[in-house]
Every structure is written in C-alpha cells, then in structure tokens.
N, C-alpha and C. Protein backbone atom coordinates (compact mmCIF):
# COMPACT_ATOMS: atom_id res chain seq x y z
N ALA A 1 -16.21 -9.32 1.49
CA ALA A 1 -15.38 -8.02 1.80
C ALA A 1 -15.76 -6.65 1.52
N ASN A 2 -15.26 -5.79 2.10
CA ASN A 2 -15.67 -4.27 1.55
C ASN A 2 -14.83 -3.72 0.77
N VAL A 3 -15.29 -2.62 0.01
CA VAL A 3 -14.81 -1.93 -1.51
C VAL A 3 -13.14 -1.63 -0.56
N ILE A 4 -13.29 -1.24 0.30
CA ILE A 4 -11.91 -0.37 0.59
C ILE A 4 -10.88 -1.59 0.79
N THR A 5 -11.10 -2.86 1.22
CA THR A 5 -10.23 -3.66 1.19
C THR A 5 -9.45 -4.44 -0.16
N ILE A 6 -10.60 -4.69 -0.74
CA ILE A 6 -10.40 -4.83 -2.09
C ILE A 6 -9.41 -3.91 -3.01
N THR A 7 -9.77 -2.81 -2.75
CA THR A 7 -9.32 -1.10 -3.78
C THR A 7 -7.43 -2.13 -3.11
N LEU A 8 -7.72 -1.91 -1.90
CA LEU A 8 -6.12 -1.85 -1.08
C LEU A 8 -5.09 -3.10 -1.92
N THR A 9 -5.88 -4.01 -1.52
CA THR A 9 -5.39 -5.39 -2.86
C THR A 9 -5.03 -5.55 -3.84
N ILE A 10 -5.93 -4.68 -4.53
CA ILE A 10 -5.57 -4.46 -6.20
C ILE A 10 -4.75 -3.49 -6.02
N LYS A 11 -4.35 -2.43 -5.18
CA LYS A 11 -3.08 -1.92 -5.15
C LYS A 11 -2.20 -2.25 -5.03
N SER A 12 -2.15 -3.23 -4.01
CA SER A 12 -0.84 -3.95 -3.90
C SER A 12 -0.23 -4.70 -4.55
N LEU A 13 -0.98 -5.49 -5.48
CA LEU A 13 -0.83 -6.42 -6.34
C LEU A 13 -0.62 -5.65 -7.58
N ARG A 14 -1.05 -4.43 -8.10
CA ARG A 14 0.02 -3.43 -8.91
C ARG A 14 1.11 -3.05 -8.58
N TYR A 15 1.70 -2.96 -7.54
CA TYR A 15 2.52 -1.98 -6.95
C TYR A 15 3.70 -3.61 -7.04
N ILE A 16 3.30 -4.85 -6.51
CA ILE A 16 4.04 -5.74 -6.57
C ILE A 16 4.56 -6.23 -7.77
N TRP A 17 3.62 -6.07 -8.54
CA TRP A 17 3.87 -6.55 -10.29
C TRP A 17 4.64 -5.66 -10.61
N HIS A 18 4.67 -4.25 -10.52
CA HIS A 18 5.32 -3.16 -11.20
C HIS A 18 7.25 -3.48 -10.84
N SER A 19 6.94 -3.89 -9.34
CA SER A 19 8.10 -3.86 -8.61
C SER A 19 8.81 -4.70 -9.15
N PHE A 20 8.39 -6.30 -9.63
CA PHE A 20 8.89 -7.38 -10.40
C PHE A 20 9.06 -6.76 -11.80
N LYS A 21 8.93 -6.25 -12.81
CA LYS A 21 8.89 -6.08 -14.20
C LYS A 21 9.87 -5.39 -14.13
N VAL A 22 10.28 -3.93 -12.72
CA VAL A 22 11.70 -3.71 -13.04
C VAL A 22 12.70 -4.18 -12.62
N TRP A 23 12.61 -5.40 -11.84
CA TRP A 23 13.72 -6.19 -11.05
C TRP A 23 13.84 -7.25 -12.57
N LYS A 24 13.16 -7.56 -13.00
CA LYS A 24 13.59 -8.02 -14.59
C LYS A 24 14.45 -7.44 -15.20
N PHE A 25 13.62 -6.03 -15.81
CA PHE A 25 14.25 -5.41 -16.65
C PHE A 25 15.90 -4.97 -16.23
N THR A 26 15.86 -4.77 -14.35
CA THR A 26 17.19 -4.41 -14.20
C THR A 26 18.38 -5.83 -14.31
N LEU A 27 18.00 -6.52 -14.12
CA LEU A 27 18.70 -8.39 -14.25
C LEU A 27 18.95 -8.03 -16.03
N ALA A 28 18.03 -7.72 -16.52
CA ALA A 28 18.16 -7.75 -18.36
C ALA A 28 19.47 -6.69 -18.74
N GLN A 29 19.86 -5.48 -17.60
CA GLN A 29 20.88 -5.05 -18.36
C GLN A 29 22.20 -5.56 -18.71
C-alpha cells in the first residue's frame, strides 16, 4: 500500500474512534 492510503486509513480510524468516544460520553449523561 502507498503512503496516502495508509494516512487516509489512520485518519478515518481516528475519526471513528473520536466519534465513538463522543457517543459513549453522550450516553453517559
């Protein structure tokens, strides 16, 4: 795989992880 693909994958995973944390935080309210 090339660097661009790896970078986009990492950014996507970080975005998903961030969204998941926000979702859990919202449920905890």
